[in-house]
PDB file of N, CA and C in Angstrom:
ATOM      1  N   MET A   1     106.201 -67.447  40.573  1.00  0.00           N
ATOM      2  CA  MET A   1     105.742 -66.349  40.708  1.00  0.00           C
ATOM      3  C   MET A   1     105.215 -66.164  42.222  1.00  0.00           C
ATOM      4  N   THR A   2     105.397 -64.800  42.559  1.00  0.00           N
ATOM      5  CA  THR A   2     105.079 -64.460  44.169  1.00  0.00           C
ATOM      6  C   THR A   2     103.701 -63.798  43.976  1.00  0.00           C
ATOM      7  N   ALA A   3     103.056 -63.818  45.067  1.00  0.00           N
ATOM      8  CA  ALA A   3     101.964 -63.184  45.411  1.00  0.00           C
ATOM      9  C   ALA A   3     102.189 -61.836  46.340  1.00  0.00           C
ATOM     10  N   THR A   4     101.254 -60.929  46.121  1.00  0.00           N
ATOM     11  CA  THR A   4     101.389 -59.798  46.835  1.00  0.00           C
ATOM     12  C   THR A   4     100.245 -59.514  47.605  1.00  0.00           C
ATOM     13  N   THR A   5     100.543 -59.118  49.048  1.00  0.00           N
ATOM     14  CA  THR A   5      99.460 -58.985  49.866  1.00  0.00           C
ATOM     15  C   THR A   5      98.822 -57.737  50.018  1.00  0.00           C
ATOM     16  N   GLY A   6      99.633 -56.737  49.477  1.00  0.00           N
ATOM     17  CA  GLY A   6      99.253 -55.260  49.699  1.00  0.00           C
ATOM     18  C   GLY A   6      99.553 -54.908  51.442  1.00  0.00           C
ATOM     19  N   THR A   7      99.979 -55.561  52.173  1.00  0.00           N
ATOM     20  CA  THR A   7     100.357 -55.130  53.587  1.00  0.00           C
ATOM     21  C   THR A   7     101.645 -54.198  53.532  1.00  0.00           C
ATOM     22  N   ILE A   8     101.662 -53.222  54.013  1.00  0.00           N
ATOM     23  CA  ILE A   8     102.760 -52.483  54.344  1.00  0.00           C
ATOM     24  C   ILE A   8     103.283 -52.390  55.713  1.00  0.00           C
ATOM     25  N   GLU A   9     104.254 -52.950  56.001  1.00  0.00           N
ATOM     26  CA  GLU A   9     104.998 -53.006  57.192  1.00  0.00           C
ATOM     27  C   GLU A   9     105.187 -51.596  57.646  1.00  0.00           C
ATOM     28  N   ALA A  10     105.188 -51.215  59.063  1.00  0.00           N
ATOM     29  CA  ALA A  10     105.472 -49.796  59.635  1.00  0.00           C
ATOM     30  C   ALA A  10     106.915 -49.976  59.679  1.00  0.00           C
ATOM     31  N   PRO A  11     107.315 -48.749  59.735  1.00  0.00           N
ATOM     32  CA  PRO A  11     109.051 -48.785  59.893  1.00  0.00           C
ATOM     33  C   PRO A  11     109.137 -48.793  61.342  1.00  0.00           C
ATOM     34  N   THR A  12     110.340 -49.292  61.728  1.00  0.00           N
ATOM     35  CA  THR A  12     110.276 -49.440  63.285  1.00  0.00           C
ATOM     36  C   THR A  12     110.944 -48.124  64.023  1.00  0.00           C
ATOM     37  N   THR A  13     111.241 -47.132  63.386  1.00  0.00           N
ATOM     38  CA  THR A  13     111.932 -46.087  64.071  1.00  0.00           C
ATOM     39  C   THR A  13     111.089 -44.710  63.229  1.00  0.00           C
ATOM     40  N   LEU A  14     110.554 -43.753  63.690  1.00  0.00           N
ATOM     41  CA  LEU A  14     109.966 -42.694  63.154  1.00  0.00           C
ATOM     42  C   LEU A  14     111.214 -41.801  62.854  1.00  0.00           C
ATOM     43  N   THR A  15     110.979 -41.282  61.489  1.00  0.00           N
ATOM     44  CA  THR A  15     112.045 -40.663  61.102  1.00  0.00           C
ATOM     45  C   THR A  15     111.598 -38.857  60.868  1.00  0.00           C
ATOM     46  N   ALA A  16     112.707 -37.969  60.663  1.00  0.00           N
ATOM     47  CA  ALA A  16     112.035 -36.797  60.575  1.00  0.00           C
ATOM     48  C   ALA A  16     110.971 -36.353  59.251  1.00  0.00           C
ATOM     49  N   LEU A  17     110.743 -37.386  58.450  1.00  0.00           N
ATOM     50  CA  LEU A  17     109.939 -37.201  57.496  1.00  0.00           C
ATOM     51  C   LEU A  17     108.360 -37.615  58.007  1.00  0.00           C
ATOM     52  N   ASP A  18     108.538 -38.329  59.021  1.00  0.00           N
ATOM     53  CA  ASP A  18     107.151 -38.717  59.755  1.00  0.00           C
ATOM     54  C   ASP A  18     106.387 -37.283  60.431  1.00  0.00           C
ATOM     55  N   ARG A  19     105.330 -36.865  60.228  1.00  0.00           N
ATOM     56  CA  ARG A  19     104.835 -35.820  60.786  1.00  0.00           C
ATOM     57  C   ARG A  19     103.447 -36.214  61.396  1.00  0.00           C
ATOM     58  N   CYS A  20     103.160 -35.342  62.373  1.00  0.00           N
ATOM     59  CA  CYS A  20     102.196 -35.547  63.109  1.00  0.00           C
ATOM     60  C   CYS A  20     100.607 -35.278  62.547  1.00  0.00           C
ATOM     61  N   ASP A  21      99.927 -36.029  62.648  1.00  0.00           N
ATOM     62  CA  ASP A  21      98.493 -36.156  61.982  1.00  0.00           C
ATOM     63  C   ASP A  21      97.656 -34.819  62.432  1.00  0.00           C
ATOM     64  N   ARG A  22      98.035 -34.257  63.408  1.00  0.00           N
ATOM     65  CA  ARG A  22      97.224 -32.777  63.994  1.00  0.00           C
ATOM     66  C   ARG A  22      97.826 -31.589  63.633  1.00  0.00           C
ATOM     67  N   CYS A  23      99.133 -31.388  63.488  1.00  0.00           N
ATOM     68  CA  CYS A  23      99.769 -30.174  63.351  1.00  0.00           C
ATOM     69  C   CYS A  23     100.777 -30.396  62.415  1.00  0.00           C
ATOM     70  N   GLY A  24     101.187 -31.559  61.691  1.00  0.00           N
ATOM     71  CA  GLY A  24     102.630 -31.452  61.151  1.00  0.00           C
ATOM     72  C   GLY A  24     103.841 -31.342  61.531  1.00  0.00           C
ATOM     73  N   ALA A  25     104.071 -31.204  62.469  1.00  0.00           N
ATOM     74  CA  ALA A  25     105.163 -31.121  63.597  1.00  0.00           C
ATOM     75  C   ALA A  25     105.769 -32.598  63.326  1.00  0.00           C
ATOM     76  N   GLN A  26     107.566 -32.714  63.589  1.00  0.00           N
ATOM     77  CA  GLN A  26     107.991 -33.871  63.693  1.00  0.00           C
ATOM     78  C   GLN A  26     107.036 -35.008  64.614  1.00  0.00           C
ATOM     79  N   ALA A  27     106.723 -36.215  64.042  1.00  0.00           N
ATOM     80  CA  ALA A  27     106.444 -37.306  64.989  1.00  0.00           C
ATOM     81  C   ALA A  27     107.191 -37.957  65.874  1.00  0.00           C
ATOM     82  N   TYR A  28     106.907 -38.407  66.972  1.00  0.00           N
ATOM     83  CA  TYR A  28     107.598 -38.941  67.827  1.00  0.00           C
ATOM     84  C   TYR A  28     106.675 -40.083  68.537  1.00  0.00           C
ATOM     85  N   ILE A  29     105.438 -40.052  67.903  1.00  0.00           N
ATOM     86  CA  ILE A  29     104.693 -41.194  68.584  1.00  0.00           C
ATOM     87  C   ILE A  29     103.563 -41.911  67.249  1.00  0.00           C
ATOM     88  N   ARG A  30     103.885 -43.263  67.476  1.00  0.00           N
ATOM     89  CA  ARG A  30     102.966 -43.729  66.394  1.00  0.00           C
ATOM     90  C   ARG A  30     101.863 -44.492  67.107  1.00  0.00           C
ATOM     91  N   ALA A  31     100.447 -44.473  66.753  1.00  0.00           N
ATOM     92  CA  ALA A  31      99.558 -45.227  67.364  1.00  0.00           C
ATOM     93  C   ALA A  31      98.809 -46.284  66.442  1.00  0.00           C
ATOM     94  N   VAL A  32      99.164 -47.374  66.563  1.00  0.00           N
ATOM     95  CA  VAL A  32      98.639 -48.619  65.650  1.00  0.00           C
ATOM     96  C   VAL A  32      97.420 -48.942  66.222  1.00  0.00           C
ATOM     97  N   LEU A  33      96.036 -48.669  65.636  1.00  0.00           N
ATOM     98  CA  LEU A  33      94.706 -49.102  65.786  1.00  0.00           C
ATOM     99  C   LEU A  33      94.488 -50.620  65.698  1.00  0.00           C
ATOM    100  N   THR A  34      93.805 -50.724  66.846  1.00  0.00           N
ATOM    101  CA  THR A  34      93.162 -52.113  66.566  1.00  0.00           C
ATOM    102  C   THR A  34      92.291 -52.745  65.388  1.00  0.00           C
ATOM    103  N   SER A  35      91.516 -51.398  65.050  1.00  0.00           N
ATOM    104  CA  SER A  35      90.756 -51.541  63.858  1.00  0.00           C
ATOM    105  C   SER A  35      91.387 -51.521  62.581  1.00  0.00           C
ATOM    106  N   GLY A  36      92.940 -50.929  62.369  1.00  0.00           N
ATOM    107  CA  GLY A  36      93.528 -51.066  61.394  1.00  0.00           C
ATOM    108  C   GLY A  36      93.906 -49.767  61.186  1.00  0.00           C
ATOM    109  N   GLY A  37      95.353 -49.487  60.636  1.00  0.00           N
ATOM    110  CA  GLY A  37      95.627 -48.003  60.042  1.00  0.00           C
ATOM    111  C   GLY A  37      96.641 -47.670  61.475  1.00  0.00           C
ATOM    112  N   ALA A  38      97.186 -46.309  61.292  1.00  0.00           N
ATOM    113  CA  ALA A  38      98.297 -46.163  62.013  1.00  0.00           C
ATOM    114  C   ALA A  38      97.934 -44.381  61.968  1.00  0.00           C
ATOM    115  N   LEU A  39      98.217 -43.798  63.610  1.00  0.00           N
ATOM    116  CA  LEU A  39      98.287 -42.348  63.678  1.00  0.00           C
ATOM    117  C   LEU A  39      99.548 -41.906  64.073  1.00  0.00           C
ATOM    118  N   LEU A  40     100.144 -40.825  63.599  1.00  0.00           N
ATOM    119  CA  LEU A  40     101.296 -40.212  64.140  1.00  0.00           C
ATOM    120  C   LEU A  40     101.161 -39.071  64.516  1.00  0.00           C
ATOM    121  N   PHE A  41     101.685 -38.579  65.981  1.00  0.00           N
ATOM    122  CA  PHE A  41     101.669 -37.720  66.607  1.00  0.00           C
ATOM    123  C   PHE A  41     102.845 -36.723  67.121  1.00  0.00           C
ATOM    124  N   CYS A  42     103.162 -35.764  67.249  1.00  0.00           N
ATOM    125  CA  CYS A  42     104.025 -35.001  67.962  1.00  0.00           C
ATOM    126  C   CYS A  42     104.041 -35.080  69.449  1.00  0.00           C
ATOM    127  N   ASN A  43     105.084 -34.965  70.042  1.00  0.00           N
ATOM    128  CA  ASN A  43     104.794 -35.402  71.651  1.00  0.00           C
ATOM    129  C   ASN A  43     103.764 -34.568  72.213  1.00  0.00           C
ATOM    130  N   HIS A  44     103.679 -33.296  71.930  1.00  0.00           N
ATOM    131  CA  HIS A  44     102.493 -32.242  72.630  1.00  0.00           C
ATOM    132  C   HIS A  44     101.069 -33.219  72.094  1.00  0.00           C
ATOM    133  N   HIS A  45     100.766 -33.581  71.047  1.00  0.00           N
ATOM    134  CA  HIS A  45      99.621 -34.138  70.681  1.00  0.00           C
ATOM    135  C   HIS A  45      99.375 -35.587  71.028  1.00  0.00           C
ATOM    136  N   GLY A  46     100.356 -36.329  71.096  1.00  0.00           N
ATOM    137  CA  GLY A  46     100.433 -37.630  71.465  1.00  0.00           C
ATOM    138  C   GLY A  46      99.923 -37.636  72.969  1.00  0.00           C
ATOM    139  N   ARG A  47     100.343 -36.851  73.952  1.00  0.00           N
ATOM    140  CA  ARG A  47     100.085 -36.785  75.181  1.00  0.00           C
ATOM    141  C   ARG A  47      98.700 -36.474  75.383  1.00  0.00           C
ATOM    142  N   ASP A  48      98.262 -35.382  74.578  1.00  0.00           N
ATOM    143  CA  ASP A  48      96.929 -34.917  74.630  1.00  0.00           C
ATOM    144  C   ASP A  48      95.802 -35.900  74.425  1.00  0.00           C
ATOM    145  N   VAL A  49      96.080 -36.884  73.169  1.00  0.00           N
ATOM    146  CA  VAL A  49      95.389 -37.830  73.060  1.00  0.00           C
ATOM    147  C   VAL A  49      95.382 -39.234  73.764  1.00  0.00           C
ATOM    148  N   GLU A  50      96.759 -39.122  74.276  1.00  0.00           N
ATOM    149  CA  GLU A  50      96.906 -40.706  74.825  1.00  0.00           C
ATOM    150  C   GLU A  50      95.853 -41.652  75.647  1.00  0.00           C
ATOM    151  N   PRO A  51      95.276 -40.414  76.793  1.00  0.00           N
ATOM    152  CA  PRO A  51      94.333 -41.356  77.575  1.00  0.00           C
ATOM    153  C   PRO A  51      92.967 -41.764  76.868  1.00  0.00           C
ATOM    154  N   LYS A  52      92.455 -41.142  76.158  1.00  0.00           N
ATOM    155  CA  LYS A  52      91.430 -41.635  75.038  1.00  0.00           C
ATOM    156  C   LYS A  52      91.881 -42.774  73.953  1.00  0.00           C
ATOM    157  N   LEU A  53      92.927 -42.454  73.501  1.00  0.00           N
ATOM    158  CA  LEU A  53      93.217 -43.275  72.381  1.00  0.00           C
ATOM    159  C   LEU A  53      93.941 -44.638  72.719  1.00  0.00           C
ATOM    160  N   ARG A  54      94.821 -44.706  73.349  1.00  0.00           N
ATOM    161  CA  ARG A  54      95.572 -45.788  73.762  1.00  0.00           C
ATOM    162  C   ARG A  54      94.710 -46.950  74.085  1.00  0.00           C
ATOM    163  N   PRO A  55      93.375 -46.898  74.586  1.00  0.00           N
ATOM    164  CA  PRO A  55      92.857 -48.357  74.903  1.00  0.00           C
ATOM    165  C   PRO A  55      92.538 -48.673  73.705  1.00  0.00           C
ATOM    166  N   MET A  56      92.453 -48.092  72.520  1.00  0.00           N
ATOM    167  CA  MET A  56      91.875 -48.478  71.434  1.00  0.00           C
ATOM    168  C   MET A  56      93.381 -48.756  70.025  1.00  0.00           C
ATOM    169  N   THR A  57      94.361 -49.176  71.037  1.00  0.00           N
ATOM    170  CA  THR A  57      95.577 -49.432  70.234  1.00  0.00           C
ATOM    171  C   THR A  57      95.939 -50.896  70.192  1.00  0.00           C
ATOM    172  N   ALA A  58      96.489 -51.273  69.408  1.00  0.00           N
ATOM    173  CA  ALA A  58      97.374 -52.685  69.292  1.00  0.00           C
ATOM    174  C   ALA A  58      98.736 -52.067  69.650  1.00  0.00           C
ATOM    175  N   GLU A  59      99.223 -51.171  69.402  1.00  0.00           N
ATOM    176  CA  GLU A  59     100.574 -51.086  69.722  1.00  0.00           C
ATOM    177  C   GLU A  59     100.866 -49.367  69.758  1.00  0.00           C
ATOM    178  N   TRP A  60     101.639 -48.757  71.008  1.00  0.00           N
ATOM    179  CA  TRP A  60     101.688 -47.567  71.050  1.00  0.00           C
ATOM    180  C   TRP A  60     103.363 -47.280  71.151  1.00  0.00           C
ATOM    181  N   VAL A  61     103.973 -46.715  69.718  1.00  0.00           N
ATOM    182  CA  VAL A  61     105.154 -46.336  69.874  1.00  0.00           C
ATOM    183  C   VAL A  61     105.444 -45.069  70.507  1.00  0.00           C
ATOM    184  N   ASP A  62     106.234 -44.905  71.597  1.00  0.00           N
ATOM    185  CA  ASP A  62     106.772 -43.554  71.911  1.00  0.00           C
ATOM    186  C   ASP A  62     108.268 -43.448  71.946  1.00  0.00           C
ATOM    187  N   GLU A  63     108.727 -42.720  71.133  1.00  0.00           N
ATOM    188  CA  GLU A  63     110.230 -42.130  70.619  1.00  0.00           C
ATOM    189  C   GLU A  63     110.353 -40.805  71.188  1.00  0.00           C
ATOM    190  N   SER A  64     109.698 -40.387  72.177  1.00  0.00           N
ATOM    191  CA  SER A  64     109.675 -39.090  72.536  1.00  0.00           C
ATOM    192  C   SER A  64     111.166 -39.001  73.306  1.00  0.00           C
ATOM    193  N   ASP A  65     111.908 -39.787  73.639  1.00  0.00           N
ATOM    194  CA  ASP A  65     112.887 -39.791  74.490  1.00  0.00           C
ATOM    195  C   ASP A  65     114.147 -39.461  73.597  1.00  0.00           C
ATOM    196  N   ARG A  66     113.962 -39.307  72.351  1.00  0.00           N
ATOM    197  CA  ARG A  66     114.975 -38.644  71.317  1.00  0.00           C
ATOM    198  C   ARG A  66     114.977 -37.383  71.365  1.00  0.00           C
ATOM    199  N   ILE A  67     113.960 -36.643  71.757  1.00  0.00           N
ATOM    200  CA  ILE A  67     113.854 -35.106  71.663  1.00  0.00           C
ATOM    201  C   ILE A  67     114.992 -34.604  72.575  1.00  0.00           C
ATOM    202  N   SER A  68     115.812 -33.872  72.096  1.00  0.00           N
ATOM    203  CA  SER A  68     116.704 -32.942  72.875  1.00  0.00           C
ATOM    204  C   SER A  68     116.495 -31.611  73.264  1.00  0.00           C
TER     205      SER A  68
END
């Protein structure tokens, strides 16, 4: 019998289904917080919150280079 830990792995690439937590636009930035959890942002809101939020993150995934 296998045990379930309840941990959900974050996908490595953001998709069109991932939406900004501030405005609902497509997310291109994922901020994984050191306190747990993750926030998703469109490029605009990611740049807006980055200076204040980034020091509180364990991982900052920026895929905005995919914007054409």
